[in-house]
């Protein structure tokens, strides 16, 4: 996929943090349908809920991940 700007409109940084081996910031660790996507950060986990790809409408992060996964096969 070509590089595209992604805007995060809403997220929660107080998501319950579990211990992960190999904590790599940016790694998606959980997809929560209708709720969002849990991503590791340098300070724990972040639940990203509303996002917008450049030139598209705002959507739930879990729906965006699902659509990208479907395109990748």
N, C-alpha and C. Protein backbone atom coordinates (compact mmCIF):
# COMPACT_ATOMS: atom_id res chain seq x y z
N UNK A 1 0.83 -1.18 0.00
CA UNK A 1 0.00 0.00 0.00
C UNK A 1 0.88 1.25 0.00
N UNK A 2 0.48 2.28 -0.75
CA UNK A 2 1.26 3.52 -0.71
C UNK A 2 1.08 4.22 0.64
N UNK A 3 2.05 5.05 1.00
CA UNK A 3 1.96 5.79 2.27
C UNK A 3 0.74 6.70 2.25
N UNK A 4 -0.04 6.64 3.31
CA UNK A 4 -1.25 7.45 3.44
C UNK A 4 -1.30 8.01 4.85
N UNK A 5 -1.71 9.27 4.96
CA UNK A 5 -1.83 9.90 6.27
C UNK A 5 -3.01 9.30 7.03
N UNK A 6 -2.78 8.95 8.29
CA UNK A 6 -3.82 8.42 9.17
C UNK A 6 -3.96 9.38 10.35
N UNK A 7 -5.17 9.89 10.56
CA UNK A 7 -5.45 10.76 11.70
C UNK A 7 -6.19 9.96 12.76
N UNK A 8 -5.71 10.02 13.99
CA UNK A 8 -6.39 9.37 15.12
C UNK A 8 -7.24 10.44 15.79
N UNK A 9 -8.57 10.24 15.78
CA UNK A 9 -9.49 11.21 16.36
C UNK A 9 -9.82 10.91 17.81
N UNK A 10 -9.84 9.65 18.21
CA UNK A 10 -10.10 9.34 19.61
C UNK A 10 -9.38 8.07 20.03
N UNK A 11 -8.85 8.12 21.26
CA UNK A 11 -8.11 6.98 21.82
C UNK A 11 -8.12 7.12 23.34
N UNK A 12 -7.89 6.00 24.01
CA UNK A 12 -7.81 5.98 25.48
C UNK A 12 -6.44 5.46 25.87
N UNK A 13 -5.72 6.23 26.67
CA UNK A 13 -4.40 5.77 27.11
C UNK A 13 -4.47 5.02 28.43
N UNK A 14 -5.63 4.98 29.04
CA UNK A 14 -5.76 4.30 30.33
C UNK A 14 -6.24 2.86 30.16
N UNK A 15 -6.02 2.27 29.00
CA UNK A 15 -6.42 0.89 28.73
C UNK A 15 -5.66 -0.04 29.68
N UNK A 16 -6.33 -1.08 30.18
CA UNK A 16 -5.69 -2.01 31.11
C UNK A 16 -4.42 -2.59 30.47
N UNK A 17 -3.31 -2.35 31.10
CA UNK A 17 -2.02 -2.80 30.57
C UNK A 17 -1.68 -4.20 31.08
N UNK A 18 -1.38 -5.07 30.15
CA UNK A 18 -0.88 -6.39 30.48
C UNK A 18 0.60 -6.41 30.11
N UNK A 19 1.33 -7.34 30.63
CA UNK A 19 2.75 -7.46 30.31
C UNK A 19 2.90 -8.19 28.97
N UNK A 20 3.71 -7.63 28.09
CA UNK A 20 3.96 -8.25 26.79
C UNK A 20 5.46 -8.41 26.62
N UNK A 21 5.85 -9.59 26.16
CA UNK A 21 7.25 -9.84 25.86
C UNK A 21 7.55 -9.17 24.52
N UNK A 22 8.64 -8.47 24.46
CA UNK A 22 9.00 -7.80 23.21
C UNK A 22 8.08 -6.64 22.91
N UNK A 23 7.86 -5.75 23.88
CA UNK A 23 6.99 -4.59 23.73
C UNK A 23 7.49 -3.70 22.59
N UNK A 24 6.86 -3.79 21.43
CA UNK A 24 7.26 -3.01 20.26
C UNK A 24 6.19 -1.96 19.99
N UNK A 25 6.51 -0.68 20.24
CA UNK A 25 5.53 0.38 19.99
C UNK A 25 5.00 0.32 18.55
N UNK A 26 3.67 0.47 18.44
CA UNK A 26 3.02 0.42 17.13
C UNK A 26 2.44 -0.94 16.78
N UNK A 27 2.81 -1.97 17.53
CA UNK A 27 2.30 -3.32 17.25
C UNK A 27 0.84 -3.44 17.68
N UNK A 28 -0.01 -3.90 16.77
CA UNK A 28 -1.41 -4.17 17.09
C UNK A 28 -1.46 -5.48 17.86
N UNK A 29 -2.06 -5.44 19.06
CA UNK A 29 -2.11 -6.65 19.88
C UNK A 29 -3.52 -7.20 20.04
N UNK A 30 -4.52 -6.38 19.72
CA UNK A 30 -5.90 -6.86 19.87
C UNK A 30 -6.83 -6.01 19.01
N UNK A 31 -7.77 -6.68 18.37
CA UNK A 31 -8.82 -5.99 17.62
C UNK A 31 -10.12 -6.24 18.37
N UNK A 32 -10.77 -5.15 18.80
CA UNK A 32 -12.01 -5.23 19.55
C UNK A 32 -13.13 -4.70 18.66
N UNK A 33 -13.90 -5.60 18.02
CA UNK A 33 -14.97 -5.15 17.12
C UNK A 33 -15.87 -4.10 17.77
N UNK A 34 -16.22 -3.09 17.00
CA UNK A 34 -17.08 -1.98 17.43
C UNK A 34 -16.45 -1.08 18.49
N UNK A 35 -15.27 -1.44 18.99
CA UNK A 35 -14.64 -0.66 20.06
C UNK A 35 -13.36 0.00 19.58
N UNK A 36 -12.52 -0.74 18.86
CA UNK A 36 -11.27 -0.19 18.37
C UNK A 36 -10.17 -1.21 18.29
N UNK A 37 -8.94 -0.69 18.27
CA UNK A 37 -7.75 -1.52 18.13
C UNK A 37 -6.79 -1.18 19.26
N UNK A 38 -6.24 -2.19 19.91
CA UNK A 38 -5.28 -1.97 20.98
C UNK A 38 -3.88 -2.06 20.38
N UNK A 39 -3.10 -0.98 20.60
CA UNK A 39 -1.76 -0.86 20.04
C UNK A 39 -0.78 -0.61 21.18
N UNK A 40 0.39 -1.25 21.12
CA UNK A 40 1.41 -1.00 22.13
C UNK A 40 2.06 0.35 21.90
N UNK A 41 2.42 1.01 23.01
CA UNK A 41 3.16 2.27 22.93
C UNK A 41 4.36 2.17 23.86
N UNK A 42 5.17 3.19 23.91
CA UNK A 42 6.32 3.17 24.80
C UNK A 42 5.93 3.13 26.26
N UNK A 43 4.71 3.58 26.58
CA UNK A 43 4.26 3.64 27.97
C UNK A 43 3.15 2.66 28.29
N UNK A 44 2.89 1.68 27.46
CA UNK A 44 1.83 0.71 27.71
C UNK A 44 1.00 0.50 26.47
N UNK A 45 -0.30 0.33 26.65
CA UNK A 45 -1.20 0.06 25.54
C UNK A 45 -2.15 1.23 25.34
N UNK A 46 -2.61 1.40 24.10
CA UNK A 46 -3.51 2.48 23.73
C UNK A 46 -4.67 1.88 22.94
N UNK A 47 -5.89 2.19 23.37
CA UNK A 47 -7.06 1.74 22.62
C UNK A 47 -7.43 2.86 21.65
N UNK A 48 -7.19 2.64 20.37
CA UNK A 48 -7.51 3.61 19.33
C UNK A 48 -8.89 3.29 18.82
N UNK A 49 -9.80 4.27 18.87
CA UNK A 49 -11.18 3.98 18.48
C UNK A 49 -11.61 4.63 17.18
N UNK A 50 -11.41 5.92 16.99
CA UNK A 50 -11.86 6.58 15.75
C UNK A 50 -10.67 7.09 14.97
N UNK A 51 -10.62 6.73 13.68
CA UNK A 51 -9.52 7.12 12.80
C UNK A 51 -10.06 7.61 11.47
N UNK A 52 -9.18 8.24 10.70
CA UNK A 52 -9.56 8.70 9.36
C UNK A 52 -8.35 8.61 8.44
N UNK A 53 -8.48 7.87 7.36
CA UNK A 53 -7.46 7.85 6.33
C UNK A 53 -7.63 9.08 5.46
N UNK A 54 -6.52 9.64 5.00
CA UNK A 54 -6.56 10.82 4.16
C UNK A 54 -7.51 10.63 2.98
N UNK A 55 -8.46 11.57 2.82
CA UNK A 55 -9.40 11.51 1.72
C UNK A 55 -10.61 10.62 1.96
N UNK A 56 -10.72 10.04 3.16
CA UNK A 56 -11.84 9.15 3.48
C UNK A 56 -12.61 9.70 4.68
N UNK A 57 -13.67 9.01 5.08
CA UNK A 57 -14.47 9.46 6.22
C UNK A 57 -13.96 8.81 7.51
N UNK A 58 -14.28 9.43 8.64
CA UNK A 58 -13.92 8.86 9.95
C UNK A 58 -14.59 7.50 10.09
N UNK A 59 -13.88 6.58 10.73
CA UNK A 59 -14.41 5.23 10.93
C UNK A 59 -13.84 4.64 12.21
N UNK A 60 -14.42 3.54 12.65
CA UNK A 60 -13.90 2.81 13.80
C UNK A 60 -12.60 2.12 13.38
N UNK A 61 -11.59 2.19 14.22
CA UNK A 61 -10.29 1.61 13.90
C UNK A 61 -10.38 0.11 13.61
N UNK A 62 -11.27 -0.60 14.30
CA UNK A 62 -11.39 -2.04 14.05
C UNK A 62 -11.94 -2.31 12.65
N UNK A 63 -12.82 -1.44 12.15
CA UNK A 63 -13.34 -1.59 10.79
C UNK A 63 -12.26 -1.31 9.75
N UNK A 64 -11.40 -0.33 10.02
CA UNK A 64 -10.31 -0.03 9.11
C UNK A 64 -9.34 -1.20 9.02
N UNK A 65 -8.96 -1.75 10.18
CA UNK A 65 -8.06 -2.91 10.19
C UNK A 65 -8.68 -4.07 9.43
N UNK A 66 -9.98 -4.31 9.64
CA UNK A 66 -10.67 -5.40 8.95
C UNK A 66 -10.62 -5.17 7.45
N UNK A 67 -10.86 -3.95 6.98
CA UNK A 67 -10.87 -3.69 5.55
C UNK A 67 -9.48 -3.86 4.94
N UNK A 68 -8.44 -3.46 5.69
CA UNK A 68 -7.08 -3.64 5.20
C UNK A 68 -6.75 -5.12 5.14
N UNK A 69 -7.13 -5.88 6.18
CA UNK A 69 -6.88 -7.32 6.21
C UNK A 69 -7.56 -8.02 5.04
N UNK A 70 -8.79 -7.61 4.74
CA UNK A 70 -9.52 -8.21 3.61
C UNK A 70 -8.80 -7.96 2.30
N UNK A 71 -8.22 -6.77 2.12
CA UNK A 71 -7.50 -6.42 0.89
C UNK A 71 -6.19 -7.20 0.77
N UNK A 72 -5.53 -7.48 1.93
CA UNK A 72 -4.29 -8.21 1.91
C UNK A 72 -4.50 -9.70 1.69
N UNK A 73 -5.71 -10.16 1.99
CA UNK A 73 -6.04 -11.57 1.78
C UNK A 73 -5.68 -12.39 2.96
